[in-house]
């Protein structure tokens, strides 16, 4: 998730980490569900971690 925030994209983070986009995306989604906080705004296709700490 840190790589996605750093690169602003789950797809770019997946490439950097050499994992499939769908696996990383699913992992982030499961994490968000567990902590009940949306970290990644799929509509804007960017990671906006600032909203998590308001």
PDB file of N, CA and C in Angstrom:
ATOM      1  N   UNK A   1       0.830  -1.187   0.000  1.00  0.00           N
ATOM      2  CA  UNK A   1       0.000   0.000   0.000  1.00  0.00           C
ATOM      3  C   UNK A   1       0.876   1.252   0.000  1.00  0.00           C
ATOM      4  N   UNK A   2       2.003   1.188   0.643  1.00  0.00           N
ATOM      5  CA  UNK A   2       2.906   2.346   0.662  1.00  0.00           C
ATOM      6  C   UNK A   2       3.388   2.667  -0.747  1.00  0.00           C
ATOM      7  N   UNK A   3       3.696   1.628  -1.518  1.00  0.00           N
ATOM      8  CA  UNK A   3       4.151   1.864  -2.897  1.00  0.00           C
ATOM      9  C   UNK A   3       3.034   2.508  -3.717  1.00  0.00           C
ATOM     10  N   UNK A   4       1.798   2.088  -3.506  1.00  0.00           N
ATOM     11  CA  UNK A   4       0.675   2.681  -4.229  1.00  0.00           C
ATOM     12  C   UNK A   4       0.533   4.152  -3.869  1.00  0.00           C
ATOM     13  N   UNK A   5       0.712   4.481  -2.606  1.00  0.00           N
ATOM     14  CA  UNK A   5       0.643   5.882  -2.184  1.00  0.00           C
ATOM     15  C   UNK A   5       1.807   6.673  -2.766  1.00  0.00           C
ATOM     16  N   UNK A   6       2.997   6.084  -2.749  1.00  0.00           N
ATOM     17  CA  UNK A   6       4.178   6.767  -3.282  1.00  0.00           C
ATOM     18  C   UNK A   6       4.040   7.055  -4.775  1.00  0.00           C
ATOM     19  N   UNK A   7       3.512   6.091  -5.512  1.00  0.00           N
ATOM     20  CA  UNK A   7       3.406   6.238  -6.964  1.00  0.00           C
ATOM     21  C   UNK A   7       2.067   6.790  -7.408  1.00  0.00           C
ATOM     22  N   UNK A   8       1.103   6.862  -6.477  1.00  0.00           N
ATOM     23  CA  UNK A   8      -0.203   7.409  -6.813  1.00  0.00           C
ATOM     24  C   UNK A   8      -1.047   6.482  -7.659  1.00  0.00           C
ATOM     25  N   UNK A   9      -0.653   5.218  -7.738  1.00  0.00           N
ATOM     26  CA  UNK A   9      -1.341   4.280  -8.612  1.00  0.00           C
ATOM     27  C   UNK A   9      -1.106   2.848  -8.147  1.00  0.00           C
ATOM     28  N   UNK A  10      -2.193   2.102  -8.049  1.00  0.00           N
ATOM     29  CA  UNK A  10      -2.054   0.689  -7.695  1.00  0.00           C
ATOM     30  C   UNK A  10      -1.362  -0.053  -8.833  1.00  0.00           C
ATOM     31  N   UNK A  11      -1.689   0.295 -10.058  1.00  0.00           N
ATOM     32  CA  UNK A  11      -1.085  -0.384 -11.211  1.00  0.00           C
ATOM     33  C   UNK A  11       0.434  -0.177 -11.236  1.00  0.00           C
ATOM     34  N   UNK A  12       0.877   1.040 -11.022  1.00  0.00           N
ATOM     35  CA  UNK A  12       2.321   1.306 -11.017  1.00  0.00           C
ATOM     36  C   UNK A  12       2.998   0.605  -9.846  1.00  0.00           C
ATOM     37  N   UNK A  13       2.343   0.596  -8.695  1.00  0.00           N
ATOM     38  CA  UNK A  13       2.907  -0.084  -7.528  1.00  0.00           C
ATOM     39  C   UNK A  13       3.027  -1.582  -7.795  1.00  0.00           C
ATOM     40  N   UNK A  14       2.014  -2.158  -8.419  1.00  0.00           N
ATOM     41  CA  UNK A  14       2.054  -3.588  -8.732  1.00  0.00           C
ATOM     42  C   UNK A  14       3.223  -3.904  -9.667  1.00  0.00           C
ATOM     43  N   UNK A  15       3.425  -3.064 -10.660  1.00  0.00           N
ATOM     44  CA  UNK A  15       4.557  -3.264 -11.572  1.00  0.00           C
ATOM     45  C   UNK A  15       5.881  -3.179 -10.815  1.00  0.00           C
ATOM     46  N   UNK A  16       6.010  -2.187  -9.961  1.00  0.00           N
ATOM     47  CA  UNK A  16       7.225  -2.014  -9.179  1.00  0.00           C
ATOM     48  C   UNK A  16       7.495  -3.222  -8.280  1.00  0.00           C
ATOM     49  N   UNK A  17       6.422  -3.764  -7.695  1.00  0.00           N
ATOM     50  CA  UNK A  17       6.552  -4.884  -6.762  1.00  0.00           C
ATOM     51  C   UNK A  17       6.524  -6.243  -7.458  1.00  0.00           C
ATOM     52  N   UNK A  18       6.360  -6.233  -8.771  1.00  0.00           N
ATOM     53  CA  UNK A  18       6.295  -7.464  -9.572  1.00  0.00           C
ATOM     54  C   UNK A  18       5.180  -8.403  -9.109  1.00  0.00           C
ATOM     55  N   UNK A  19       4.013  -7.814  -8.873  1.00  0.00           N
ATOM     56  CA  UNK A  19       2.822  -8.598  -8.544  1.00  0.00           C
ATOM     57  C   UNK A  19       1.706  -8.192  -9.496  1.00  0.00           C
ATOM     58  N   UNK A  20       0.697  -9.047  -9.598  1.00  0.00           N
ATOM     59  CA  UNK A  20      -0.428  -8.721 -10.463  1.00  0.00           C
ATOM     60  C   UNK A  20      -1.246  -7.588  -9.854  1.00  0.00           C
ATOM     61  N   UNK A  21      -1.713  -6.690 -10.710  1.00  0.00           N
ATOM     62  CA  UNK A  21      -2.529  -5.555 -10.281  1.00  0.00           C
ATOM     63  C   UNK A  21      -3.730  -6.027  -9.475  1.00  0.00           C
ATOM     64  N   UNK A  22      -4.394  -7.071  -9.944  1.00  0.00           N
ATOM     65  CA  UNK A  22      -5.610  -7.551  -9.275  1.00  0.00           C
ATOM     66  C   UNK A  22      -5.327  -8.058  -7.861  1.00  0.00           C
ATOM     67  N   UNK A  23      -4.198  -8.684  -7.660  1.00  0.00           N
ATOM     68  CA  UNK A  23      -3.846  -9.187  -6.324  1.00  0.00           C
ATOM     69  C   UNK A  23      -3.592  -8.033  -5.372  1.00  0.00           C
ATOM     70  N   UNK A  24      -2.840  -7.048  -5.823  1.00  0.00           N
ATOM     71  CA  UNK A  24      -2.563  -5.889  -4.971  1.00  0.00           C
ATOM     72  C   UNK A  24      -3.847  -5.116  -4.682  1.00  0.00           C
ATOM     73  N   UNK A  25      -4.656  -4.928  -5.696  1.00  0.00           N
ATOM     74  CA  UNK A  25      -5.916  -4.213  -5.534  1.00  0.00           C
ATOM     75  C   UNK A  25      -6.826  -4.924  -4.527  1.00  0.00           C
ATOM     76  N   UNK A  26      -6.928  -6.236  -4.649  1.00  0.00           N
ATOM     77  CA  UNK A  26      -7.758  -7.015  -3.734  1.00  0.00           C
ATOM     78  C   UNK A  26      -7.219  -6.926  -2.305  1.00  0.00           C
ATOM     79  N   UNK A  27      -5.925  -6.978  -2.147  1.00  0.00           N
ATOM     80  CA  UNK A  27      -5.319  -6.883  -0.820  1.00  0.00           C
ATOM     81  C   UNK A  27      -5.618  -5.535  -0.172  1.00  0.00           C
ATOM     82  N   UNK A  28      -5.505  -4.477  -0.957  1.00  0.00           N
ATOM     83  CA  UNK A  28      -5.806  -3.139  -0.438  1.00  0.00           C
ATOM     84  C   UNK A  28      -7.278  -3.040  -0.067  1.00  0.00           C
ATOM     85  N   UNK A  29      -8.144  -3.576  -0.906  1.00  0.00           N
ATOM     86  CA  UNK A  29      -9.580  -3.548  -0.634  1.00  0.00           C
ATOM     87  C   UNK A  29      -9.901  -4.294   0.664  1.00  0.00           C
ATOM     88  N   UNK A  30      -9.297  -5.437   0.858  1.00  0.00           N
ATOM     89  CA  UNK A  30      -9.527  -6.208   2.085  1.00  0.00           C
ATOM     90  C   UNK A  30      -9.029  -5.443   3.308  1.00  0.00           C
ATOM     91  N   UNK A  31      -7.882  -4.800   3.174  1.00  0.00           N
ATOM     92  CA  UNK A  31      -7.341  -4.002   4.275  1.00  0.00           C
ATOM     93  C   UNK A  31      -8.275  -2.842   4.607  1.00  0.00           C
ATOM     94  N   UNK A  32      -8.743  -2.134   3.573  1.00  0.00           N
ATOM     95  CA  UNK A  32      -9.668  -1.019   3.782  1.00  0.00           C
ATOM     96  C   UNK A  32     -10.939  -1.495   4.494  1.00  0.00           C
ATOM     97  N   UNK A  33     -11.434  -2.631   4.084  1.00  0.00           N
ATOM     98  CA  UNK A  33     -12.637  -3.183   4.708  1.00  0.00           C
ATOM     99  C   UNK A  33     -12.374  -3.501   6.181  1.00  0.00           C
ATOM    100  N   UNK A  34     -11.217  -4.072   6.455  1.00  0.00           N
ATOM    101  CA  UNK A  34     -10.862  -4.452   7.826  1.00  0.00           C
ATOM    102  C   UNK A  34     -10.749  -3.231   8.735  1.00  0.00           C
ATOM    103  N   UNK A  35     -10.133  -2.150   8.240  1.00  0.00           N
ATOM    104  CA  UNK A  35      -9.947  -0.970   9.092  1.00  0.00           C
ATOM    105  C   UNK A  35     -11.083   0.045   8.941  1.00  0.00           C
ATOM    106  N   UNK A  36     -11.992  -0.235   7.997  1.00  0.00           N
ATOM    107  CA  UNK A  36     -13.160   0.621   7.752  1.00  0.00           C
ATOM    108  C   UNK A  36     -12.784   2.051   7.373  1.00  0.00           C
ATOM    109  N   UNK A  37     -11.744   2.131   6.549  1.00  0.00           N
ATOM    110  CA  UNK A  37     -11.280   3.420   6.024  1.00  0.00           C
ATOM    111  C   UNK A  37     -10.931   3.220   4.558  1.00  0.00           C
ATOM    112  N   UNK A  38     -11.409   4.127   3.708  1.00  0.00           N
ATOM    113  CA  UNK A  38     -11.051   4.067   2.292  1.00  0.00           C
ATOM    114  C   UNK A  38      -9.738   4.813   2.094  1.00  0.00           C
ATOM    115  N   UNK A  39      -8.730   4.084   1.637  1.00  0.00           N
ATOM    116  CA  UNK A  39      -7.409   4.669   1.411  1.00  0.00           C
ATOM    117  C   UNK A  39      -7.242   5.051  -0.052  1.00  0.00           C
ATOM    118  N   UNK A  40      -7.820   4.255  -0.930  1.00  0.00           N
ATOM    119  CA  UNK A  40      -7.646   4.461  -2.367  1.00  0.00           C
ATOM    120  C   UNK A  40      -8.966   4.856  -2.994  1.00  0.00           C
ATOM    121  N   UNK A  41      -8.976   5.974  -3.682  1.00  0.00           N
ATOM    122  CA  UNK A  41     -10.171   6.444  -4.364  1.00  0.00           C
ATOM    123  C   UNK A  41     -10.127   5.937  -5.801  1.00  0.00           C
ATOM    124  N   UNK A  42     -10.843   4.855  -6.064  1.00  0.00           N
ATOM    125  CA  UNK A  42     -10.800   4.222  -7.383  1.00  0.00           C
ATOM    126  C   UNK A  42     -11.385   5.120  -8.475  1.00  0.00           C
ATOM    127  N   UNK A  43     -12.273   6.013  -8.128  1.00  0.00           N
ATOM    128  CA  UNK A  43     -12.860   6.911  -9.124  1.00  0.00           C
ATOM    129  C   UNK A  43     -11.812   7.866  -9.687  1.00  0.00           C
ATOM    130  N   UNK A  44     -10.950   8.367  -8.796  1.00  0.00           N
ATOM    131  CA  UNK A  44      -9.914   9.306  -9.248  1.00  0.00           C
ATOM    132  C   UNK A  44      -8.661   8.578  -9.675  1.00  0.00           C
ATOM    133  N   UNK A  45      -8.579   7.281  -9.362  1.00  0.00           N
ATOM    134  CA  UNK A  45      -7.451   6.435  -9.707  1.00  0.00           C
ATOM    135  C   UNK A  45      -6.142   6.913  -9.090  1.00  0.00           C
ATOM    136  N   UNK A  46      -6.238   7.490  -7.913  1.00  0.00           N
ATOM    137  CA  UNK A  46      -5.033   7.889  -7.186  1.00  0.00           C
ATOM    138  C   UNK A  46      -5.180   7.506  -5.712  1.00  0.00           C
ATOM    139  N   UNK A  47      -4.080   7.382  -5.059  1.00  0.00           N
ATOM    140  CA  UNK A  47      -4.090   7.120  -3.630  1.00  0.00           C
ATOM    141  C   UNK A  47      -3.988   8.450  -2.910  1.00  0.00           C
ATOM    142  N   UNK A  48      -4.936   8.705  -2.067  1.00  0.00           N
ATOM    143  CA  UNK A  48      -4.933   9.957  -1.307  1.00  0.00           C
ATOM    144  C   UNK A  48      -4.940   9.605   0.165  1.00  0.00           C
ATOM    145  N   UNK A  49      -3.755   9.451   0.729  1.00  0.00           N
ATOM    146  CA  UNK A  49      -3.650   9.023   2.123  1.00  0.00           C
ATOM    147  C   UNK A  49      -3.970  10.164   3.082  1.00  0.00           C
ATOM    148  N   UNK A  50      -3.954  11.390   2.644  1.00  0.00           N
ATOM    149  CA  UNK A  50      -4.226  12.523   3.543  1.00  0.00           C
ATOM    150  C   UNK A  50      -5.611  12.400   4.162  1.00  0.00           C
ATOM    151  N   UNK A  51      -6.585  11.929   3.400  1.00  0.00           N
ATOM    152  CA  UNK A  51      -7.936  11.788   3.911  1.00  0.00           C
ATOM    153  C   UNK A  51      -8.025  10.785   5.053  1.00  0.00           C
ATOM    154  N   UNK A  52      -7.099   9.876   5.124  1.00  0.00           N
ATOM    155  CA  UNK A  52      -7.143   8.835   6.154  1.00  0.00           C
ATOM    156  C   UNK A  52      -6.819   9.384   7.538  1.00  0.00           C
ATOM    157  N   UNK A  53      -6.172  10.516   7.584  1.00  0.00           N
ATOM    158  CA  UNK A  53      -5.676  11.011   8.853  1.00  0.00           C
ATOM    159  C   UNK A  53      -6.344  12.311   9.295  1.00  0.00           C
ATOM    160  N   UNK A  54      -7.510  12.607   8.727  1.00  0.00           N
ATOM    161  CA  UNK A  54      -8.255  13.810   9.128  1.00  0.00           C
ATOM    162  C   UNK A  54      -8.834  13.663  10.516  1.00  0.00           C
TER     163      UNK A  54
END
